[in-house]
């Protein structure tokens, strides 16, 4: 069994991007928004709903991305679409 720290390091190694932490944080944020949508808006959570929120947040992140990572980030983002 992997510890949380080992799982984190494994994910970091697999992603191999300078912006991997932003990916993790925005994925978690999308889960939080999905949870709030269920509680406050009575919207049933789904993977498609989570992915939509996640992708919208990633598109916004592009505007805050350092220029030296922008090309790599854009290519990664387009691969998800």
Foldseek 3Di string as FASTA:
>chain_A
DDDPVRVVVVQCVVVVAPCVVVLVVLLVVLVVVLVCCCVPVVDHDDPVSSVVSSLVVLVVVLVVDDPVCNVVSVVVSVVVD
